[in-house]
Amino acid sequence: MYLGILIILPIILISLPATFFDEGESICFSVLFLNSECYACGITRAIQHLIHFDFQEAFLFNRLSIIVLPLLIISYIKEFRRVYMIVS
């Protein structure tokens, strides 16, 4: 089940349009309670734009996304390998 989710998740994110997460209210506690953006604000939208190679828009949402996406990919590959070794 978990391995299936690991396989399907990137397919879903790639198939969604780059602007899928652009609209809507923020759920960040910093924005809700302190009315101030934190370092992670906009990272989901930025990563979604990076997945679709929209670098300029991603950089506007969150500059750290250029560092975070490679780290996410490395973590994803490690987790996929770990789960695949358990299953097989």
Protein backbone atom coordinates (compact mmCIF):
# COMPACT_ATOMS: atom_id res chain seq x y z
CA MET A 1 0.00 0.00 0.00
CA TYR A 2 2.71 2.48 1.03
CA LEU A 3 4.85 1.54 -1.98
CA GLY A 4 1.85 2.24 -4.23
CA ILE A 5 1.45 5.69 -2.71
CA LEU A 6 5.16 6.37 -3.28
CA ILE A 7 4.75 5.43 -6.94
CA ILE A 8 1.51 7.35 -7.56
CA LEU A 9 2.35 10.58 -5.70
CA PRO A 10 4.89 11.97 -8.21
CA ILE A 11 2.60 11.06 -11.10
CA ILE A 12 -0.24 13.01 -9.51
CA LEU A 13 1.94 16.06 -8.79
CA ILE A 14 3.28 16.10 -12.36
CA SER A 15 -0.19 15.72 -13.85
CA LEU A 16 -1.61 18.63 -11.83
CA PRO A 17 -1.16 22.06 -13.41
CA ALA A 18 1.62 24.23 -12.04
CA THR A 19 -0.94 26.72 -10.74
CA PHE A 20 -2.99 24.11 -8.83
CA PHE A 21 -1.93 25.30 -5.36
CA ASP A 22 -1.69 29.02 -6.20
CA GLU A 23 -5.16 29.99 -4.97
CA GLY A 24 -6.61 29.71 -1.49
CA GLU A 25 -6.06 30.85 2.06
CA SER A 26 -2.80 30.25 3.88
CA ILE A 27 -2.79 27.62 6.62
CA CYS A 28 0.57 28.72 8.04
CA PHE A 29 0.40 29.41 11.78
CA SER A 30 2.78 32.34 11.37
CA VAL A 31 0.45 34.01 8.89
CA LEU A 32 -2.73 33.17 10.81
CA PHE A 33 -1.59 34.22 14.28
CA LEU A 34 1.31 36.64 13.76
CA ASN A 35 0.34 38.08 10.37
CA SER A 36 3.89 37.48 9.17
CA GLU A 37 5.28 35.03 6.62
CA CYS A 38 7.81 32.42 7.73
CA TYR A 39 10.69 30.93 5.70
CA ALA A 40 8.49 28.05 4.52
CA CYS A 41 5.60 30.18 3.27
CA GLY A 42 4.99 29.48 -0.40
CA ILE A 43 7.21 26.40 -0.56
CA THR A 44 4.41 24.07 -1.74
CA ARG A 45 3.49 26.43 -4.57
CA ALA A 46 7.16 26.96 -5.43
CA ILE A 47 7.91 23.22 -5.55
CA GLN A 48 4.88 22.63 -7.78
CA HIS A 49 6.16 25.30 -10.18
CA LEU A 50 9.67 23.82 -10.10
CA ILE A 51 8.29 20.38 -10.96
CA HIS A 52 6.85 21.99 -14.09
CA PHE A 53 10.13 23.85 -14.83
CA ASP A 54 8.65 27.28 -14.11
CA PHE A 55 11.76 28.55 -12.33
CA GLN A 56 10.92 32.24 -12.30
CA GLU A 57 7.51 31.76 -10.66
CA ALA A 58 8.97 29.27 -8.17
CA PHE A 59 11.66 31.77 -7.19
CA LEU A 60 8.99 34.42 -6.62
CA PHE A 61 6.99 32.16 -4.29
CA ASN A 62 9.98 31.00 -2.22
CA ARG A 63 13.69 31.33 -2.95
CA LEU A 64 14.55 28.32 -0.80
CA SER A 65 12.65 25.99 -3.14
CA ILE A 66 15.74 25.65 -5.31
CA ILE A 67 17.49 24.04 -2.33
CA VAL A 68 14.47 22.17 -0.97
CA LEU A 69 13.44 20.34 -4.17
CA PRO A 70 16.74 18.44 -4.61
CA LEU A 71 16.65 17.50 -0.93
CA LEU A 72 13.08 16.25 -1.31
CA ILE A 73 14.05 14.20 -4.35
CA ILE A 74 16.98 12.62 -2.50
CA SER A 75 14.76 11.84 0.50
CA TYR A 76 12.10 10.38 -1.78
CA ILE A 77 14.60 8.11 -3.53
CA LYS A 78 16.00 6.89 -0.20
CA GLU A 79 12.51 6.15 1.13
CA PHE A 80 11.51 4.40 -2.09
CA ARG A 81 14.62 2.20 -1.91
CA ARG A 82 14.02 1.39 1.75
CA VAL A 83 10.40 0.40 1.18
CA TYR A 84 11.23 -1.52 -2.00
CA MET A 85 13.89 -3.55 -0.17
CA ILE A 86 11.38 -4.44 2.58
CA VAL A 87 8.72 -5.52 0.07
CA SER A 88 11.02 -7.60 -2.14
